[in-house]
Protein backbone atom coordinates (compact mmCIF):
# COMPACT_ATOMS: atom_id res chain seq x y z
CA MET A 1 -27.63 107.61 -43.18
CA LYS A 2 -28.11 108.02 -39.32
CA ARG A 3 -31.67 106.00 -40.00
CA LEU A 4 -29.31 102.95 -41.53
CA PHE A 5 -27.00 103.02 -38.62
CA ASP A 6 -29.86 103.32 -35.89
CA TRP A 7 -31.45 100.41 -37.56
CA ILE A 8 -27.89 98.27 -37.54
CA ARG A 9 -27.42 99.27 -33.80
CA ASN A 10 -31.17 98.35 -32.87
CA LYS A 11 -30.73 94.75 -34.95
CA TRP A 12 -27.48 94.11 -33.06
CA GLN A 13 -28.84 94.71 -29.62
CA HIS A 14 -31.39 91.81 -30.19
CA ILE A 15 -29.05 89.14 -31.71
CA ALA A 16 -29.04 85.93 -29.20
CA TRP A 17 -25.06 85.70 -29.09
CA ARG A 18 -25.35 82.29 -27.54
CA SER A 19 -27.16 81.00 -30.38
CA VAL A 20 -24.54 82.61 -32.71
CA GLY A 21 -21.99 80.90 -30.74
CA ALA A 22 -23.74 77.51 -30.74
CA ALA A 23 -24.27 77.79 -34.46
CA VAL A 24 -20.57 78.77 -35.35
CA SER A 25 -19.36 75.78 -32.87
CA SER A 26 -21.34 73.19 -34.64
CA VAL A 27 -19.98 74.68 -38.20
CA LEU A 28 -16.50 74.14 -37.02
CA THR A 29 -17.24 70.79 -35.52
CA MET A 30 -18.47 69.54 -38.74
CA LEU A 31 -15.39 71.02 -40.42
CA ALA A 32 -13.10 69.19 -38.20
CA VAL A 33 -14.99 65.79 -38.53
CA ALA A 34 -15.21 66.20 -42.37
CA PRO A 35 -13.76 63.47 -44.36
CA TYR A 36 -10.79 63.99 -46.84
CA THR A 37 -12.52 62.95 -49.40
CA LEU A 38 -14.59 65.95 -49.67
CA GLY A 39 -11.91 68.14 -51.06
CA ASP A 40 -11.03 71.74 -50.17
CA ALA A 41 -13.74 71.73 -47.53
CA SER A 42 -12.13 69.15 -45.80
CA ASP A 43 -8.71 70.94 -45.89
CA VAL A 44 -9.70 74.42 -44.43
CA ILE A 45 -8.34 72.84 -40.90
CA PRO A 46 -5.06 71.19 -40.72
CA PRO A 47 -4.78 67.62 -39.72
CA LYS A 48 -2.76 68.39 -36.54
CA TRP A 49 -5.57 70.62 -35.24
CA LYS A 50 -8.74 68.60 -35.96
CA PRO A 51 -9.02 66.41 -32.74
CA VAL A 52 -8.54 69.49 -30.60
CA ILE A 53 -10.70 71.83 -32.30
CA PHE A 54 -13.34 68.85 -32.47
CA LYS A 55 -13.18 68.57 -28.76
CA VAL A 56 -13.08 72.16 -27.87
CA CYS A 57 -16.36 72.88 -29.98
CA LEU A 58 -18.19 69.89 -29.16
CA ALA A 59 -17.79 71.10 -25.49
CA SER A 60 -18.56 74.71 -26.28
CA GLY A 61 -21.45 74.05 -28.65
CA LEU A 62 -23.17 71.54 -25.83
CA LEU A 63 -22.62 74.32 -23.08
CA LEU A 64 -23.91 77.07 -25.19
CA ARG A 65 -27.19 75.13 -26.43
CA LEU A 66 -27.75 74.30 -22.75
CA TRP A 67 -27.14 77.75 -21.94
CA ASN A 68 -29.52 78.92 -24.44
CA SER A 69 -32.12 76.67 -23.51
CA ARG A 70 -32.12 77.77 -20.03
CA LYS A 71 -32.45 81.43 -20.92
CA GLN A 72 -35.15 81.00 -23.48
CA PRO A 73 -38.69 82.37 -22.35
CA THR A 74 -41.02 79.63 -21.57
CA GLN A 75 -44.72 79.80 -22.21
CA PRO A 76 -47.22 78.63 -19.67
CA VAL A 77 -49.14 75.68 -20.66
CA ASN A 78 -53.06 76.10 -19.98
CA PRO A 79 -54.68 73.07 -19.28
CA PRO A 80 -57.97 71.97 -21.65
CA ALA A 81 -61.22 73.16 -20.15
CA PRO A 82 -63.33 70.52 -18.77
CA PRO A 83 -66.11 69.24 -20.83
CA GLN A 84 -69.43 71.17 -20.43
CA ALA A 85 -72.48 69.22 -19.16
CA LEU A 86 -75.25 69.30 -21.57
CA SER A 87 -78.56 70.80 -20.11
CA LYS A 88 -82.04 69.70 -21.13
């Protein structure tokens, strides 16, 4: 049991919470703009709250994606080697 808890604690430490927040805000944004013809999926959020949730989630999603892109490690780009001259 201790190994299981150690494994869970190790996995939780390496989660990119910015990415999780961006995904959650994207899902909430999609629910806020869902048309009423979808049925129960569009009724999750009351119509009164849809514009507010849409604006907040859109802004937070953009900010989280920007923050996440700034924190991603970049790999250096190596230029291609110049062509070798053929020797005779």
